N, C-alpha and C. Protein backbone atom coordinates (compact mmCIF):
# COMPACT_ATOMS: atom_id res chain seq x y z
N VAL A 1 0.93 -1.22 -0.15
CA VAL A 1 -0.02 -0.11 0.16
C VAL A 1 0.53 0.96 -0.03
N ALA A 2 1.87 1.27 1.01
CA ALA A 2 2.87 2.37 0.86
C ALA A 2 3.15 2.90 -0.39
N LEU A 3 3.96 1.61 -1.03
CA LEU A 3 4.65 1.96 -2.35
C LEU A 3 3.73 2.29 -3.47
N GLN A 4 2.48 2.35 -3.27
CA GLN A 4 1.15 2.55 -4.34
C GLN A 4 1.49 4.31 -4.31
N THR A 5 1.74 4.81 -3.26
CA THR A 5 1.81 6.18 -3.59
C THR A 5 3.19 6.85 -3.12
N LEU A 6 4.36 6.14 -2.65
CA LEU A 6 5.00 6.85 -2.13
C LEU A 6 6.77 6.13 -3.04
N PRO A 7 7.85 6.90 -3.19
CA PRO A 7 8.56 6.54 -3.94
C PRO A 7 9.68 5.44 -3.30
N LEU A 8 9.95 4.29 -4.05
CA LEU A 8 10.76 3.38 -3.19
C LEU A 8 12.07 3.84 -2.44
N PHE A 9 12.71 4.68 -2.86
CA PHE A 9 13.94 5.17 -1.85
C PHE A 9 13.63 5.81 -0.35
N ALA A 10 12.05 6.08 -0.47
CA ALA A 10 11.60 6.07 1.02
C ALA A 10 11.15 5.19 1.74
N VAL A 11 10.25 4.01 0.87
CA VAL A 11 9.37 3.32 1.13
C VAL A 11 10.77 1.93 1.74
N GLN A 12 11.81 1.77 1.14
CA GLN A 12 12.63 0.74 1.36
C GLN A 12 13.59 1.17 2.28
N ALA A 13 13.96 2.58 2.54
CA ALA A 13 14.85 2.92 3.74
C ALA A 13 14.10 2.67 5.06
N ILE A 14 12.77 3.27 4.92
CA ILE A 14 11.68 3.05 6.07
C ILE A 14 11.86 2.27 6.85
N SER A 15 11.52 1.17 5.94
CA SER A 15 11.44 -0.39 5.96
C SER A 15 12.46 -1.12 6.68
N ALA A 16 13.61 -0.41 6.22
CA ALA A 16 15.03 -1.69 6.68
C ALA A 16 15.02 -0.60 8.39
N SER A 17 14.51 0.64 8.65
CA SER A 17 14.35 1.23 9.84
C SER A 17 13.77 0.55 10.83
N SER A 18 12.80 -0.72 10.47
CA SER A 18 12.01 -1.47 11.31
C SER A 18 12.89 -1.97 12.58
N ILE A 19 13.73 -2.29 12.35
CA ILE A 19 14.87 -2.94 13.09
C ILE A 19 14.94 -2.40 14.41
N ALA A 20 14.72 -0.65 14.50
CA ALA A 20 14.89 -0.12 15.89
C ALA A 20 13.46 -0.29 16.30
N VAL A 21 12.26 -1.01 15.96
CA VAL A 21 11.20 -1.45 16.37
C VAL A 21 11.52 -2.55 17.46
N THR A 22 12.44 -3.67 16.87
CA THR A 22 12.59 -4.58 17.52
C THR A 22 13.28 -4.51 18.55
N VAL A 23 14.33 -3.22 18.57
CA VAL A 23 15.22 -2.94 19.58
C VAL A 23 14.14 -2.57 20.93
N LEU A 24 13.35 -1.64 20.88
CA LEU A 24 12.83 -0.96 21.31
C LEU A 24 11.68 -2.08 22.26
N LEU A 25 11.30 -2.72 21.40
CA LEU A 25 10.12 -3.58 22.09
C LEU A 25 10.81 -5.06 22.83
N ALA A 26 12.14 -5.35 22.52
CA ALA A 26 12.80 -6.04 23.28
C ALA A 26 13.11 -5.02 24.80
N ALA A 27 13.67 -4.12 24.46
CA ALA A 27 13.65 -2.98 25.66
C ALA A 27 12.40 -3.07 26.88
N ILE A 28 11.31 -2.91 26.11
CA ILE A 28 10.08 -2.81 26.83
C ILE A 28 9.44 -4.27 27.19
N VAL A 29 9.58 -5.59 26.11
CA VAL A 29 9.01 -6.75 27.03
C VAL A 29 9.67 -7.55 27.26
N LEU A 30 11.43 -7.85 27.55
CA LEU A 30 12.53 -8.67 27.83
C LEU A 30 13.32 -7.62 28.50
N GLY A 31 13.17 -6.56 28.81
CA GLY A 31 14.02 -5.71 29.75
C GLY A 31 15.30 -5.52 29.33
N SER A 32 15.47 -5.69 28.36
CA SER A 32 17.32 -5.49 27.65
C SER A 32 17.33 -4.20 27.22
N ARG A 33 18.75 -3.71 28.06
CA ARG A 33 18.95 -2.27 28.10
C ARG A 33 19.84 -1.93 26.61
N PRO A 34 19.03 -1.25 25.62
CA PRO A 34 20.05 -0.92 24.75
C PRO A 34 21.46 -0.11 24.81
N THR A 35 22.56 -0.59 24.08
CA THR A 35 23.63 0.12 24.26
C THR A 35 23.83 1.28 23.68
N LYS A 36 24.91 1.80 24.11
CA LYS A 36 25.18 3.10 23.88
C LYS A 36 25.30 3.35 22.09
N ARG A 37 25.73 1.96 21.36
CA ARG A 37 26.23 1.83 19.81
C ARG A 37 24.36 2.05 19.36
N GLN A 38 23.85 1.10 19.99
CA GLN A 38 22.12 0.99 19.77
C GLN A 38 21.26 2.44 19.62
N LEU A 39 22.35 3.19 20.93
CA LEU A 39 21.04 4.47 20.99
C LEU A 39 21.42 5.20 19.69
N LEU A 40 23.03 5.19 19.82
CA LEU A 40 23.27 6.41 18.54
C LEU A 40 22.93 5.97 17.40
N ALA A 41 22.69 4.66 16.80
CA ALA A 41 22.13 4.04 15.60
C ALA A 41 20.89 4.44 15.48
N MET A 42 19.74 4.57 16.24
CA MET A 42 18.54 4.74 16.53
C MET A 42 18.47 6.33 16.20
N GLY A 43 19.49 7.09 17.06
CA GLY A 43 19.15 8.58 16.48
C GLY A 43 19.36 9.26 15.42
N VAL A 44 20.31 8.38 14.89
CA VAL A 44 21.12 8.50 13.37
C VAL A 44 19.46 8.41 12.41
N LEU A 45 19.09 7.09 12.56
CA LEU A 45 17.79 6.87 12.06
C LEU A 45 16.80 7.78 12.22
N ALA A 46 16.62 8.27 13.48
CA ALA A 46 15.49 9.05 13.52
C ALA A 46 15.68 10.50 12.75
N LEU A 47 17.13 10.96 12.80
CA LEU A 47 17.06 12.06 11.74
C LEU A 47 16.66 12.00 10.17
N GLY A 48 17.47 10.51 9.78
CA GLY A 48 17.17 10.21 8.43
C GLY A 48 15.59 10.02 8.35
N LEU A 49 15.12 9.72 9.26
CA LEU A 49 13.68 9.32 8.76
C LEU A 49 12.56 10.46 8.39
N VAL A 50 13.26 11.69 9.22
CA VAL A 50 12.72 12.85 9.27
C VAL A 50 12.55 13.40 8.28
N ALA A 51 14.03 13.58 7.55
CA ALA A 51 14.39 13.91 6.21
C ALA A 51 13.72 13.37 5.22
N LEU A 52 13.41 12.02 5.15
CA LEU A 52 12.55 11.15 4.42
C LEU A 52 11.28 11.58 4.42
N ALA A 53 10.70 11.99 5.38
CA ALA A 53 8.83 12.49 5.60
C ALA A 53 9.16 13.53 4.71
N VAL A 54 10.12 14.59 4.94
CA VAL A 54 9.55 15.92 4.73
C VAL A 54 9.97 16.27 3.34
N SER A 55 10.75 15.40 2.52
CA SER A 55 11.41 15.26 1.06
C SER A 55 10.97 14.56 0.08
N ALA A 56 10.60 13.69 0.28
CA ALA A 56 10.04 12.14 -0.46
C ALA A 56 8.84 13.14 -1.16
N ALA A 57 8.40 12.93 -2.53
CA ALA A 57 7.13 13.60 -3.06
C ALA A 57 6.42 12.05 -3.42
N PRO A 58 5.25 12.15 -2.35
CA PRO A 58 4.04 11.21 -2.81
C PRO A 58 3.67 11.52 -4.34
N ASP A 59 3.43 10.24 -4.95
CA ASP A 59 2.82 10.53 -6.44
C ASP A 59 2.66 8.89 -6.95
N ASP A 60 1.88 8.88 -7.91
CA ASP A 60 2.02 7.63 -8.41
C ASP A 60 2.43 7.07 -9.24
N PRO A 61 3.30 6.09 -9.22
CA PRO A 61 4.36 5.40 -10.13
C PRO A 61 3.79 5.68 -11.96
N ARG A 62 5.21 6.16 -12.37
CA ARG A 62 4.88 6.32 -13.96
C ARG A 62 4.45 4.65 -14.07
N ARG A 63 3.59 4.50 -15.33
CA ARG A 63 2.95 3.69 -15.80
C ARG A 63 4.01 2.77 -16.54
N VAL A 64 4.42 1.26 -16.63
CA VAL A 64 5.33 0.71 -17.45
C VAL A 64 4.48 -0.30 -18.33
N GLY A 65 5.55 -0.61 -19.14
CA GLY A 65 4.79 -1.57 -20.31
C GLY A 65 5.22 -3.41 -19.93
N THR A 66 4.42 -3.91 -21.19
CA THR A 66 5.19 -5.48 -20.76
C THR A 66 6.79 -5.66 -20.82
N ARG A 67 7.09 -4.72 -21.38
CA ARG A 67 9.11 -4.92 -21.18
C ARG A 67 9.32 -5.02 -20.21
N PHE A 68 9.03 -3.88 -18.98
CA PHE A 68 9.02 -3.86 -17.61
C PHE A 68 8.79 -5.06 -17.01
N ALA A 69 7.60 -5.98 -17.27
CA ALA A 69 7.05 -6.91 -16.41
C ALA A 69 7.61 -8.47 -17.07
N VAL A 70 8.09 -8.13 -18.19
CA VAL A 70 9.20 -9.30 -18.61
C VAL A 70 10.64 -9.28 -17.97
N GLY A 71 10.69 -8.18 -17.67
CA GLY A 71 12.33 -8.04 -17.13
C GLY A 71 12.36 -8.33 -15.63
N MET A 72 11.08 -8.52 -14.99
CA MET A 72 10.88 -8.34 -13.28
C MET A 72 10.80 -10.18 -13.40
N TRP A 73 10.61 -10.63 -14.50
CA TRP A 73 10.21 -12.03 -14.75
C TRP A 73 11.59 -12.82 -14.92
N VAL A 74 12.59 -11.91 -15.46
CA VAL A 74 13.89 -12.55 -15.98
C VAL A 74 14.84 -12.12 -14.43
N ALA A 75 14.05 -11.39 -13.62
CA ALA A 75 15.10 -11.05 -12.48
C ALA A 75 14.68 -11.98 -11.48
N VAL A 76 13.62 -13.01 -12.03
CA VAL A 76 13.31 -13.88 -10.74
C VAL A 76 14.29 -14.85 -11.47
N GLY A 77 14.34 -15.25 -12.62
CA GLY A 77 15.43 -16.19 -12.85
C GLY A 77 17.03 -15.91 -11.95
N VAL A 78 16.98 -14.81 -12.64
CA VAL A 78 18.57 -14.46 -12.10
C VAL A 78 18.87 -14.35 -10.40
N VAL A 79 18.07 -13.74 -9.75
CA VAL A 79 17.80 -14.12 -8.48
C VAL A 79 18.01 -15.68 -8.22
N ALA A 80 17.41 -16.19 -8.70
CA ALA A 80 17.42 -17.68 -8.16
C ALA A 80 18.81 -18.43 -8.29
N GLY A 81 19.31 -18.17 -9.59
CA GLY A 81 20.91 -18.46 -10.27
C GLY A 81 21.57 -18.17 -9.28
N LEU A 82 21.85 -16.95 -9.20
CA LEU A 82 22.94 -16.33 -7.87
C LEU A 82 22.54 -16.89 -6.62
N GLY A 83 21.48 -16.81 -5.77
CA GLY A 83 21.26 -17.73 -4.84
C GLY A 83 21.87 -19.38 -4.76
N VAL A 84 21.71 -19.86 -5.64
CA VAL A 84 22.13 -21.23 -6.19
C VAL A 84 23.72 -21.30 -6.49
N LEU A 85 23.75 -20.06 -6.75
CA LEU A 85 25.68 -20.29 -6.96
C LEU A 85 26.23 -19.59 -5.92
N ALA A 86 25.67 -18.92 -4.86
CA ALA A 86 26.45 -18.57 -3.73
C ALA A 86 27.21 -18.91 -3.01
N PRO A 87 26.43 -20.50 -2.37
CA PRO A 87 27.25 -21.14 -1.64
C PRO A 87 28.27 -21.64 -2.36
N ARG A 88 28.26 -22.10 -3.53
CA ARG A 88 29.47 -22.63 -4.27
C ARG A 88 30.77 -22.09 -4.15
N LEU A 89 30.32 -20.49 -4.00
CA LEU A 89 31.61 -19.49 -4.35
C LEU A 89 32.34 -18.94 -2.75
N ALA A 90 31.77 -19.35 -1.80
CA ALA A 90 32.29 -19.14 -0.49
C ALA A 90 31.33 -19.92 0.39
N ARG A 91 32.40 -19.54 1.17
CA ARG A 91 32.20 -20.37 2.78
C ARG A 91 31.68 -19.31 4.19
N GLY A 92 30.79 -19.93 5.26
CA GLY A 92 30.91 -19.42 6.50
C GLY A 92 30.15 -17.53 6.07
N ASP A 93 31.01 -16.60 7.07
CA ASP A 93 30.55 -15.26 6.70
C ASP A 93 30.41 -14.85 5.44
N ARG A 94 31.31 -15.32 4.75
CA ARG A 94 31.60 -14.75 2.82
C ARG A 94 30.10 -15.16 2.53
N ALA A 95 29.67 -16.46 2.41
CA ALA A 95 28.39 -17.10 2.08
C ALA A 95 27.20 -16.41 2.60
N ALA A 96 27.31 -15.95 3.42
CA ALA A 96 26.17 -15.36 4.58
C ALA A 96 26.27 -13.97 3.85
N VAL A 97 27.32 -13.29 3.10
CA VAL A 97 27.00 -11.95 3.13
C VAL A 97 26.45 -12.10 1.35
N LEU A 98 26.83 -12.77 0.79
CA LEU A 98 26.68 -13.20 -0.77
C LEU A 98 24.69 -13.86 -0.65
N LEU A 99 24.64 -14.45 0.14
CA LEU A 99 23.36 -14.89 0.51
C LEU A 99 22.30 -13.83 0.84
N GLY A 100 22.93 -12.81 1.75
CA GLY A 100 21.98 -12.34 2.60
C GLY A 100 21.60 -10.99 1.13
N ALA A 101 22.72 -10.72 0.17
CA ALA A 101 22.43 -9.77 -0.34
C ALA A 101 21.44 -10.24 -1.70
N VAL A 102 21.49 -11.67 -2.26
CA VAL A 102 20.56 -12.30 -2.95
C VAL A 102 19.50 -12.09 -2.59
N SER A 103 19.24 -12.58 -1.05
CA SER A 103 17.99 -12.45 -0.38
C SER A 103 17.32 -10.72 -0.58
N GLY A 104 18.23 -10.02 -0.35
CA GLY A 104 17.67 -8.53 -0.52
C GLY A 104 17.35 -8.44 -1.96
N LEU A 105 17.73 -8.61 -2.98
CA LEU A 105 17.33 -8.40 -3.98
C LEU A 105 16.06 -9.16 -4.38
N GLY A 106 15.90 -10.38 -3.94
CA GLY A 106 14.55 -10.68 -3.94
C GLY A 106 13.73 -10.05 -3.02
N TYR A 107 13.75 -9.44 -1.96
CA TYR A 107 13.05 -8.67 -1.27
C TYR A 107 12.90 -7.39 -2.11
N GLY A 108 13.91 -6.98 -2.41
CA GLY A 108 13.57 -5.52 -3.37
C GLY A 108 12.80 -5.94 -4.65
N GLY A 109 12.87 -6.91 -5.47
CA GLY A 109 12.43 -7.16 -6.45
C GLY A 109 10.71 -7.17 -6.23
N THR A 110 10.54 -7.87 -5.07
CA THR A 110 8.90 -7.54 -4.67
C THR A 110 8.67 -6.19 -4.37
N ALA A 111 9.51 -5.11 -3.88
CA ALA A 111 8.74 -3.75 -3.53
C ALA A 111 8.57 -3.17 -5.02
N ILE A 112 9.76 -3.61 -6.17
CA ILE A 112 9.88 -2.69 -7.21
C ILE A 112 7.94 -3.09 -8.03
N CYS A 113 7.84 -4.53 -7.87
CA CYS A 113 6.77 -5.21 -8.44
C CYS A 113 5.57 -4.37 -7.63
N ALA A 114 5.39 -4.27 -6.69
CA ALA A 114 4.31 -3.42 -5.68
C ALA A 114 4.25 -2.16 -6.46
N ARG A 115 5.44 -1.49 -6.60
CA ARG A 115 5.33 -0.20 -7.15
C ARG A 115 5.00 0.35 -8.39
N ALA A 116 5.34 -1.03 -9.19
CA ALA A 116 4.90 -0.66 -10.50
C ALA A 116 3.41 -1.48 -10.69
N LEU A 117 2.88 -2.27 -9.66
CA LEU A 117 1.56 -2.95 -10.10
C LEU A 117 0.69 -1.98 -10.61
N GLU A 118 0.04 -1.97 -11.87
CA GLU A 118 -1.42 -1.19 -12.13
C GLU A 118 -2.66 -1.93 -11.72
N ALA A 119 -3.12 -1.61 -10.77
CA ALA A 119 -4.33 -2.43 -10.67
C ALA A 119 -5.39 -1.44 -10.47
N ASP A 120 -6.78 -1.57 -10.52
CA ASP A 120 -8.01 -0.72 -10.44
C ASP A 120 -8.47 -1.18 -8.98
N GLY A 121 -7.66 -2.03 -8.14
CA GLY A 121 -8.35 -2.34 -6.71
C GLY A 121 -9.18 -3.60 -6.72
N SER A 122 -9.68 -4.08 -7.78
CA SER A 122 -10.50 -5.40 -7.83
C SER A 122 -9.43 -6.50 -7.54
N LEU A 123 -10.08 -7.87 -6.94
CA LEU A 123 -8.98 -9.16 -7.02
C LEU A 123 -8.72 -9.50 -8.65
N VAL A 124 -9.63 -9.79 -9.16
CA VAL A 124 -9.38 -10.54 -10.35
C VAL A 124 -8.42 -9.67 -11.11
N ASN A 125 -8.45 -7.93 -11.19
CA ASN A 125 -7.25 -7.22 -11.84
C ASN A 125 -6.23 -7.65 -11.17
N VAL A 126 -6.16 -7.46 -9.78
CA VAL A 126 -4.71 -7.91 -9.35
C VAL A 126 -4.23 -9.10 -9.57
N LEU A 127 -4.92 -10.25 -9.64
CA LEU A 127 -4.78 -11.66 -9.96
C LEU A 127 -4.63 -11.70 -11.32
N GLU A 128 -4.64 -10.95 -12.27
CA GLU A 128 -4.40 -11.20 -13.99
C GLU A 128 -2.98 -10.71 -14.22
N ASP A 129 -2.53 -9.58 -13.30
CA ASP A 129 -0.99 -8.66 -13.46
C ASP A 129 0.06 -9.69 -13.13
N PRO A 130 0.45 -10.09 -14.17
CA PRO A 130 1.67 -10.66 -14.43
C PRO A 130 2.79 -10.12 -13.26
N LEU A 131 3.10 -9.07 -12.89
CA LEU A 131 3.32 -8.16 -12.29
C LEU A 131 3.10 -8.85 -10.11
N THR A 132 2.00 -9.23 -10.16
CA THR A 132 1.48 -10.29 -9.00
C THR A 132 2.31 -11.31 -8.63
N TRP A 133 2.24 -12.17 -9.48
CA TRP A 133 2.92 -13.36 -9.56
C TRP A 133 4.41 -13.20 -9.38
N ALA A 134 4.92 -12.23 -10.05
CA ALA A 134 6.40 -12.36 -10.15
C ALA A 134 6.82 -11.59 -8.30
N LEU A 135 5.92 -10.48 -8.27
CA LEU A 135 6.12 -10.09 -6.51
C LEU A 135 6.35 -11.39 -5.87
N LEU A 136 5.06 -11.95 -5.81
CA LEU A 136 5.22 -13.57 -4.86
C LEU A 136 6.47 -14.15 -4.84
N LEU A 137 6.67 -14.31 -6.26
CA LEU A 137 7.97 -15.46 -6.55
C LEU A 137 9.48 -14.72 -5.86
N HIS A 138 9.46 -13.49 -6.17
CA HIS A 138 10.44 -12.56 -5.62
C HIS A 138 10.82 -12.73 -3.93
N GLY A 139 9.47 -12.86 -3.24
CA GLY A 139 9.25 -12.65 -2.03
C GLY A 139 9.69 -13.78 -1.27
N ALA A 140 9.15 -15.15 -1.91
CA ALA A 140 9.69 -16.64 -1.53
C ALA A 140 11.02 -16.64 -1.84
N LEU A 141 11.91 -16.03 -3.23
CA LEU A 141 13.17 -16.12 -3.21
C LEU A 141 13.83 -15.40 -1.90
N GLY A 142 13.39 -14.29 -1.71
CA GLY A 142 14.08 -13.62 -0.57
C GLY A 142 13.64 -14.33 0.88
N ILE A 143 12.82 -15.06 1.19
CA ILE A 143 12.97 -15.64 2.14
C ILE A 143 13.71 -17.03 2.40
N ALA A 144 13.79 -17.65 1.31
CA ALA A 144 14.60 -18.94 1.23
C ALA A 144 15.97 -18.97 1.35
N PHE A 145 16.27 -17.61 0.71
CA PHE A 145 18.07 -16.85 0.63
C PHE A 145 18.24 -16.39 1.70
N PHE A 146 17.44 -15.82 2.89
CA PHE A 146 18.19 -15.48 3.83
C PHE A 146 17.90 -16.55 4.98
N ALA A 147 17.26 -17.40 4.90
CA ALA A 147 17.32 -18.55 5.66
C ALA A 147 18.68 -19.43 5.56
N ALA A 148 19.10 -19.38 4.23
CA ALA A 148 20.44 -19.95 3.72
C ALA A 148 21.74 -19.46 4.24
N ALA A 149 21.06 -17.88 4.22
CA ALA A 149 22.26 -17.17 4.85
C ALA A 149 22.65 -17.34 6.13
N LEU A 150 21.42 -17.34 6.97
CA LEU A 150 21.53 -17.47 8.35
C LEU A 150 22.35 -19.11 8.87
N GLU A 151 22.09 -20.10 8.14
CA GLU A 151 22.60 -21.56 8.28
C GLU A 151 24.27 -21.41 8.22
N ARG A 152 24.77 -20.26 7.24
CA ARG A 152 26.11 -20.26 7.05
C ARG A 152 26.58 -18.96 7.99
N GLY A 153 26.38 -18.41 8.35
CA GLY A 153 27.07 -17.31 9.06
C GLY A 153 26.47 -16.45 10.01
N SER A 154 26.70 -15.24 10.56
CA SER A 154 26.21 -14.63 11.44
C SER A 154 24.90 -13.70 11.08
N VAL A 155 24.48 -13.11 12.12
CA VAL A 155 22.87 -12.68 11.78
C VAL A 155 23.41 -10.94 11.12
N SER A 156 24.64 -10.78 11.51
CA SER A 156 24.89 -9.09 11.50
C SER A 156 25.44 -9.10 9.82
N VAL A 157 26.08 -9.76 9.36
CA VAL A 157 26.43 -9.78 8.28
C VAL A 157 25.03 -9.90 7.06
N ALA A 158 24.90 -11.29 7.58
CA ALA A 158 23.37 -11.50 6.83
C ALA A 158 22.70 -10.44 6.67
N THR A 159 22.25 -9.70 7.76
CA THR A 159 20.98 -8.75 7.73
C THR A 159 21.75 -7.63 7.04
N ALA A 160 22.93 -7.03 7.48
CA ALA A 160 23.41 -5.96 6.65
C ALA A 160 23.55 -6.01 5.46
N SER A 161 23.79 -7.25 4.69
CA SER A 161 23.96 -7.41 3.23
C SER A 161 22.85 -7.40 2.51
N GLN A 162 22.03 -8.19 3.17
CA GLN A 162 20.28 -7.99 2.94
C GLN A 162 20.04 -6.64 2.75
N TYR A 163 19.96 -5.72 3.90
CA TYR A 163 19.42 -4.25 4.04
C TYR A 163 20.24 -3.64 2.70
N GLY A 164 21.38 -3.56 2.80
CA GLY A 164 22.19 -2.83 1.41
C GLY A 164 21.49 -2.97 0.08
N ALA A 165 21.36 -4.32 -0.22
CA ALA A 165 20.54 -4.66 -1.68
C ALA A 165 19.58 -4.32 -1.85
N GLU A 166 18.50 -4.78 -0.59
CA GLU A 166 17.18 -4.32 -0.42
C GLU A 166 16.92 -2.95 -0.56
N VAL A 167 17.47 -2.38 -0.13
CA VAL A 167 17.52 -0.84 -0.15
C VAL A 167 17.80 -0.21 -1.68
N LEU A 168 19.04 -0.18 -1.81
CA LEU A 168 20.11 0.47 -2.88
C LEU A 168 19.37 0.11 -4.21
N VAL A 169 19.17 -1.27 -4.66
CA VAL A 169 18.60 -1.32 -5.89
C VAL A 169 17.22 -1.15 -6.57
N PRO A 170 16.18 -1.30 -5.44
CA PRO A 170 14.86 -0.82 -6.07
C PRO A 170 15.03 0.77 -6.12
N SER A 171 15.71 1.34 -5.03
CA SER A 171 15.64 2.99 -5.43
C SER A 171 16.08 3.53 -6.39
N LEU A 172 17.30 2.74 -7.01
CA LEU A 172 18.08 3.16 -8.04
C LEU A 172 16.89 2.82 -9.46
N ILE A 173 16.50 1.89 -9.07
CA ILE A 173 15.15 1.48 -10.13
C ILE A 173 14.21 2.25 -10.40
N GLY A 174 13.44 3.13 -9.13
CA GLY A 174 12.55 3.45 -9.08
C GLY A 174 12.91 5.05 -9.25
N LEU A 175 13.94 5.41 -9.17
CA LEU A 175 14.53 6.77 -9.93
C LEU A 175 14.57 6.57 -11.46
N VAL A 176 15.27 5.48 -11.97
CA VAL A 176 15.12 5.93 -13.70
C VAL A 176 14.02 5.52 -14.25
N PHE A 177 13.49 4.53 -13.45
CA PHE A 177 12.17 3.79 -14.32
C PHE A 177 10.46 4.03 -14.25
N LEU A 178 10.59 4.72 -12.75
CA LEU A 178 9.29 4.80 -12.22
C LEU A 178 8.89 6.23 -11.59
N GLY A 179 9.95 6.89 -11.97
CA GLY A 179 9.70 8.22 -11.85
C GLY A 179 9.40 8.81 -10.36
N ASP A 180 10.06 8.07 -9.61
CA ASP A 180 10.44 8.18 -8.27
C ASP A 180 11.24 9.66 -8.03
N ARG A 181 11.11 10.20 -7.02
CA ARG A 181 11.50 12.07 -7.15
C ARG A 181 11.02 12.45 -5.67
N ALA A 182 12.05 13.30 -5.43
CA ALA A 182 11.90 14.48 -3.87
C ALA A 182 11.21 15.70 -4.73
N ARG A 183 10.64 16.09 -3.30
CA ARG A 183 9.84 17.29 -3.21
C ARG A 183 10.96 18.61 -4.32
N GLU A 184 10.16 19.27 -4.66
CA GLU A 184 10.90 20.46 -5.48
C GLU A 184 11.72 20.95 -4.66
N GLY A 185 13.23 21.12 -4.79
CA GLY A 185 14.16 22.08 -4.11
C GLY A 185 14.29 21.27 -2.63
N ARG A 186 14.17 19.80 -2.64
CA ARG A 186 14.22 19.30 -1.50
C ARG A 186 15.51 17.79 -2.03
N VAL A 187 16.17 17.98 -2.71
CA VAL A 187 16.82 16.94 -3.40
C VAL A 187 17.87 16.60 -2.52
N GLY A 188 18.79 17.47 -1.80
CA GLY A 188 19.86 17.17 -1.04
C GLY A 188 19.15 16.30 -0.16
N LEU A 189 18.26 17.13 0.37
CA LEU A 189 17.56 16.80 2.28
C LEU A 189 17.11 14.89 1.80
N ALA A 190 16.48 14.92 0.73
CA ALA A 190 16.05 13.44 0.13
C ALA A 190 17.49 12.47 0.23
N VAL A 191 18.78 13.13 0.04
CA VAL A 191 19.74 12.19 -0.39
C VAL A 191 20.36 12.04 1.16
N ALA A 192 20.59 13.10 1.63
CA ALA A 192 20.96 13.05 3.49
C ALA A 192 19.73 11.95 4.03
N GLY A 193 18.65 11.98 3.91
CA GLY A 193 17.80 11.27 4.75
C GLY A 193 17.84 10.07 4.19
N PHE A 194 18.00 9.73 3.11
CA PHE A 194 18.25 8.17 2.67
C PHE A 194 19.48 7.73 3.09
N VAL A 195 20.22 8.51 2.81
CA VAL A 195 21.82 8.15 3.60
C VAL A 195 22.16 7.64 5.13
N LEU A 196 21.54 8.88 5.84
CA LEU A 196 21.00 8.76 7.23
C LEU A 196 20.47 7.30 7.68
N THR A 197 19.56 6.99 6.99
CA THR A 197 18.44 6.01 7.29
C THR A 197 19.05 4.68 7.32
N LEU A 198 19.59 4.47 6.00
CA LEU A 198 20.52 3.28 5.64
C LEU A 198 21.38 2.91 6.57
N ALA A 199 22.77 3.99 6.86
CA ALA A 199 23.69 4.04 7.47
C ALA A 199 23.17 3.54 9.07
N GLY A 200 22.02 4.17 9.33
CA GLY A 200 21.49 3.91 10.79
C GLY A 200 21.09 2.37 11.02
N ALA A 201 20.51 2.09 10.01
CA ALA A 201 19.64 0.73 10.09
C ALA A 201 20.95 -0.17 10.39
N LEU A 202 22.07 -0.40 9.11
CA LEU A 202 22.72 -1.15 8.89
C LEU A 202 23.71 -1.31 10.56
N ALA A 203 24.01 0.07 11.13
CA ALA A 203 24.59 0.37 12.26
C ALA A 203 23.74 -0.71 13.13
N LEU A 204 22.76 -0.48 13.27
CA LEU A 204 21.80 -1.13 14.54
C LEU A 204 22.00 -2.29 14.30
N ALA A 205 21.66 -2.88 12.67
CA ALA A 205 21.69 -4.48 12.48
C ALA A 205 22.93 -4.93 13.23
N LEU A 206 24.38 -4.73 12.63
CA LEU A 206 25.57 -4.99 13.25
C LEU A 206 25.53 -5.06 14.76
N ALA A 207 24.94 -3.82 15.16
CA ALA A 207 25.30 -3.50 16.66
C ALA A 207 24.48 -4.43 17.65
N SER A 208 23.14 -4.49 17.49
CA SER A 208 22.19 -5.57 17.91
C SER A 208 22.75 -7.35 17.74
N SER A 209 23.01 -7.22 16.53
CA SER A 209 23.32 -8.73 16.54
C SER A 209 24.57 -9.02 17.19
N ALA A 210 25.59 -8.10 17.40
CA ALA A 210 27.10 -8.08 18.15
C ALA A 210 26.45 -8.28 19.75
N GLU A 211 25.51 -7.61 20.25
CA GLU A 211 24.98 -7.57 21.47
C GLU A 211 24.42 -8.93 21.71
N GLU A 212 23.71 -9.66 20.68
CA GLU A 212 23.13 -10.93 20.93
C GLU A 212 24.43 -11.82 21.14
N GLY A 213 25.00 -11.90 20.36
CA GLY A 213 26.35 -12.98 20.41
C GLY A 213 27.22 -12.46 21.21
N ALA A 214 27.15 -11.44 22.26
CA ALA A 214 28.48 -11.40 23.50
C ALA A 214 27.72 -12.15 24.63
N PRO A 215 29.06 -12.74 25.43
CA PRO A 215 28.69 -13.35 26.57
C PRO A 215 28.13 -12.74 27.72
N HIS A 216 27.35 -13.09 28.39
CA HIS A 216 26.78 -12.73 29.66
C HIS A 216 27.15 -13.62 30.97
N PRO A 217 27.12 -12.72 31.78
CA PRO A 217 27.50 -12.96 33.12
C PRO A 217 26.66 -14.31 33.72
N ALA A 218 27.39 -15.41 34.24
CA ALA A 218 26.38 -16.03 35.02
C ALA A 218 25.70 -15.48 35.81
N GLY A 219 24.65 -16.50 35.98
CA GLY A 219 23.87 -15.85 37.05
C GLY A 219 22.96 -17.25 37.44
N PRO A 220 21.97 -17.13 38.39
CA PRO A 220 21.04 -17.81 38.81
C PRO A 220 20.16 -18.02 37.90
N ALA A 221 19.17 -19.29 37.64
CA ALA A 221 18.34 -19.62 36.58
C ALA A 221 16.85 -18.87 37.23
N PRO A 222 16.46 -18.44 36.08
CA PRO A 222 14.97 -17.91 36.86
C PRO A 222 14.07 -18.85 37.32
N ALA A 223 13.38 -18.37 38.32
CA ALA A 223 12.15 -19.47 38.60
C ALA A 223 11.34 -19.66 37.62
């Protein structure tokens, strides 16, 4: 729904920032105290989100033709091929980086399809659009390859590489092909907000994963 009215660079960056919600919920529900690195990353995120909120121009996407839909279906095969090839090229955290990035491309493909989808609101129209089915396949590949990344390496590198691909590639495609833009006179602010939000999300992902992996002092077992 968000992608039908807001540019990809804004929605994808804001989506990556949702990791801050996880950290805050952990503090409220589990009683875990955020570290200084996490708090700093969330502060950077907040600045980036405010900048994006006031600079992104709400607008319908540019209409795309059959070639674009064919391209998204070709991208399904490309993402699948890269995901199969990645574990053969590297091991451990390097494999997690590659698979995390491929997963991000899958999720990014989902976002691109959702942004480009031209539906009149009826279920039949949505089901008849080839982008709908490409969207579902991209999402399935994103889930599968992120799970594969977590099996081979640390959560931090898999998540960070996923966020990078998931945000950067769709944002570029949205600007080039779908008419995404910033408000007039606020391009610089949009760029700053995008960079701050992505950097904050990546830093928070790395800081949170490092915190989870750190050893904790032994204590009495909870009742």
